[in-house]
Each structure stands twice: as C-alpha cells, then as structure tokens.
Amino acid sequence: MVATSSRFTGHLAPCGEVQDGEVFESEDAQGLTIDQRRYSCGCQSLRQEYHDGSVYHRIVHHDGKVLEDQIIGEHGA
C-alpha cells in the first residue's frame, strides 16, 4: 500500500469557508484508493473508491452535521 500525507492551503471547505488543512491519500495494489481531507475549521471529507468501482463519499461539517454519506455504483446494485 502506498500512502501519503501532506498539507494544503486555501481550499474551499464543506462549510463554504476557505481553509488550510491536511490530506491523506492511499492506494493498494488491487485498486482501493482513499482520499481523506481534514480542514483547519474541523470539516472533513472522505472518498473511498473500491476494487469493484463503487465509491463511498462522506462529508462532515465542522459542527458535526453529516452533509453527505453515500455509496455510488455499489457492486451488484
């Protein structure tokens, strides 16, 4: 598995404010990819693409409210 973590500046957070933060990205040999972003305000986003092509997407506002939580293209659906 290959994983990287880096800082970013000036990105639009889920709350609508421009924030700095950190991104964690990883990928395994079978095609699973993960992109997780944490913003300085506390907002978070997570995107996981699975081996079968389905995608899980979750966005959380810094107040804890889940703005999005869905699986797209679930295998066998």
C-alpha atoms as a PDB file:
ATOM      1  CA  MET A   1       0.000   0.000   0.000  1.00  0.00           C
ATOM      2  CA  VAL A   2       1.254   3.467  -0.902  1.00  0.00           C
ATOM      3  CA  ALA A   3       0.209   6.291   1.445  1.00  0.00           C
ATOM      4  CA  THR A   4       0.996   9.990   1.552  1.00  0.00           C
ATOM      5  CA  SER A   5       0.061  12.817   3.866  1.00  0.00           C
ATOM      6  CA  SER A   6       0.507  16.485   3.037  1.00  0.00           C
ATOM      7  CA  ARG A   7      -0.696  19.964   3.993  1.00  0.00           C
ATOM      8  CA  PHE A   8      -2.749  22.215   1.743  1.00  0.00           C
ATOM      9  CA  THR A   9      -3.672  25.894   1.885  1.00  0.00           C
ATOM     10  CA  GLY A  10      -6.576  27.922   0.614  1.00  0.00           C
ATOM     11  CA  HIS A  11      -9.103  25.183  -0.260  1.00  0.00           C
ATOM     12  CA  LEU A  12     -12.859  25.547  -0.008  1.00  0.00           C
ATOM     13  CA  ALA A  13     -14.097  23.548   2.984  1.00  0.00           C
ATOM     14  CA  PRO A  14     -17.562  21.937   3.162  1.00  0.00           C
ATOM     15  CA  CYS A  15     -18.708  24.867   5.355  1.00  0.00           C
ATOM     16  CA  GLY A  16     -18.059  27.260   2.474  1.00  0.00           C
ATOM     17  CA  GLU A  17     -15.012  28.937   4.017  1.00  0.00           C
ATOM     18  CA  VAL A  18     -11.515  28.886   2.534  1.00  0.00           C
ATOM     19  CA  GLN A  19      -9.341  26.843   4.895  1.00  0.00           C
ATOM     20  CA  ASP A  20      -5.969  25.186   5.238  1.00  0.00           C
ATOM     21  CA  GLY A  21      -5.723  21.526   6.156  1.00  0.00           C
ATOM     22  CA  GLU A  22      -4.230  18.113   5.625  1.00  0.00           C
ATOM     23  CA  VAL A  23      -4.885  15.437   3.023  1.00  0.00           C
ATOM     24  CA  PHE A  24      -4.204  11.730   3.438  1.00  0.00           C
ATOM     25  CA  GLU A  25      -4.126   9.611   0.275  1.00  0.00           C
ATOM     26  CA  SER A  26      -3.507   5.891  -0.070  1.00  0.00           C
ATOM     27  CA  GLU A  27      -3.788   3.205  -2.712  1.00  0.00           C
ATOM     28  CA  ASP A  28      -3.285  -0.532  -2.602  1.00  0.00           C
ATOM     29  CA  ALA A  29      -2.165  -2.903  -5.349  1.00  0.00           C
ATOM     30  CA  GLN A  30      -5.739  -4.053  -6.060  1.00  0.00           C
ATOM     31  CA  GLY A  31      -7.098  -0.555  -6.757  1.00  0.00           C
ATOM     32  CA  LEU A  32      -8.565   0.628  -3.443  1.00  0.00           C
ATOM     33  CA  THR A  33      -7.972   4.374  -3.154  1.00  0.00           C
ATOM     34  CA  ILE A  34      -8.655   6.611  -0.168  1.00  0.00           C
ATOM     35  CA  ASP A  35      -8.668  10.416  -0.128  1.00  0.00           C
ATOM     36  CA  GLN A  36      -9.327  11.956   3.295  1.00  0.00           C
ATOM     37  CA  ARG A  37      -9.216  15.712   3.913  1.00  0.00           C
ATOM     38  CA  ARG A  38      -9.281  17.447   7.285  1.00  0.00           C
ATOM     39  CA  TYR A  39      -9.731  21.207   7.286  1.00  0.00           C
ATOM     40  CA  SER A  40      -8.470  23.572   9.988  1.00  0.00           C
ATOM     41  CA  CYS A  41     -12.080  24.547  10.836  1.00  0.00           C
ATOM     42  CA  GLY A  42     -12.903  20.903  11.651  1.00  0.00           C
ATOM     43  CA  CYS A  43     -14.742  19.959   8.447  1.00  0.00           C
ATOM     44  CA  GLN A  44     -13.837  16.593   6.912  1.00  0.00           C
ATOM     45  CA  SER A  45     -14.321  14.786   3.629  1.00  0.00           C
ATOM     46  CA  LEU A  46     -13.663  11.151   2.814  1.00  0.00           C
ATOM     47  CA  ARG A  47     -13.712   9.439  -0.580  1.00  0.00           C
ATOM     48  CA  GLN A  48     -13.012   5.709  -0.915  1.00  0.00           C
ATOM     49  CA  GLU A  49     -13.006   4.011  -4.298  1.00  0.00           C
ATOM     50  CA  TYR A  50     -13.237   0.240  -4.021  1.00  0.00           C
ATOM     51  CA  HIS A  51     -11.856  -2.534  -6.202  1.00  0.00           C
ATOM     52  CA  ASP A  52     -15.246  -3.076  -7.878  1.00  0.00           C
ATOM     53  CA  GLY A  53     -15.506   0.588  -8.912  1.00  0.00           C
ATOM     54  CA  SER A  54     -18.020   1.647  -6.257  1.00  0.00           C
ATOM     55  CA  VAL A  55     -17.319   4.878  -4.397  1.00  0.00           C
ATOM     56  CA  TYR A  56     -18.090   5.807  -0.788  1.00  0.00           C
ATOM     57  CA  HIS A  57     -18.317   9.537  -0.134  1.00  0.00           C
ATOM     58  CA  ARG A  58     -18.793  11.220   3.269  1.00  0.00           C
ATOM     59  CA  ILE A  59     -18.700  14.939   4.077  1.00  0.00           C
ATOM     60  CA  VAL A  60     -18.948  16.259   7.646  1.00  0.00           C
ATOM     61  CA  HIS A  61     -19.418  19.940   8.598  1.00  0.00           C
ATOM     62  CA  HIS A  62     -17.249  21.224  11.443  1.00  0.00           C
ATOM     63  CA  ASP A  63     -20.331  21.333  13.708  1.00  0.00           C
ATOM     64  CA  GLY A  64     -20.647  17.544  13.311  1.00  0.00           C
ATOM     65  CA  LYS A  65     -23.560  17.543  10.869  1.00  0.00           C
ATOM     66  CA  VAL A  66     -23.164  14.895   8.164  1.00  0.00           C
ATOM     67  CA  LEU A  67     -23.733  16.663   4.827  1.00  0.00           C
ATOM     68  CA  GLU A  68     -23.271  13.607   2.614  1.00  0.00           C
ATOM     69  CA  ASP A  69     -22.942   9.895   3.300  1.00  0.00           C
ATOM     70  CA  GLN A  70     -23.453   7.661   0.287  1.00  0.00           C
ATOM     71  CA  ILE A  71     -22.184   4.782  -1.790  1.00  0.00           C
ATOM     72  CA  ILE A  72     -22.279   5.335  -5.549  1.00  0.00           C
ATOM     73  CA  GLY A  73     -22.302   2.437  -8.016  1.00  0.00           C
ATOM     74  CA  GLU A  74     -22.418  -0.267  -5.384  1.00  0.00           C
ATOM     75  CA  HIS A  75     -21.347  -3.603  -6.890  1.00  0.00           C
ATOM     76  CA  GLY A  76     -24.330  -5.783  -7.595  1.00  0.00           C
ATOM     77  CA  ALA A  77     -26.853  -2.992  -7.108  1.00  0.00           C
END
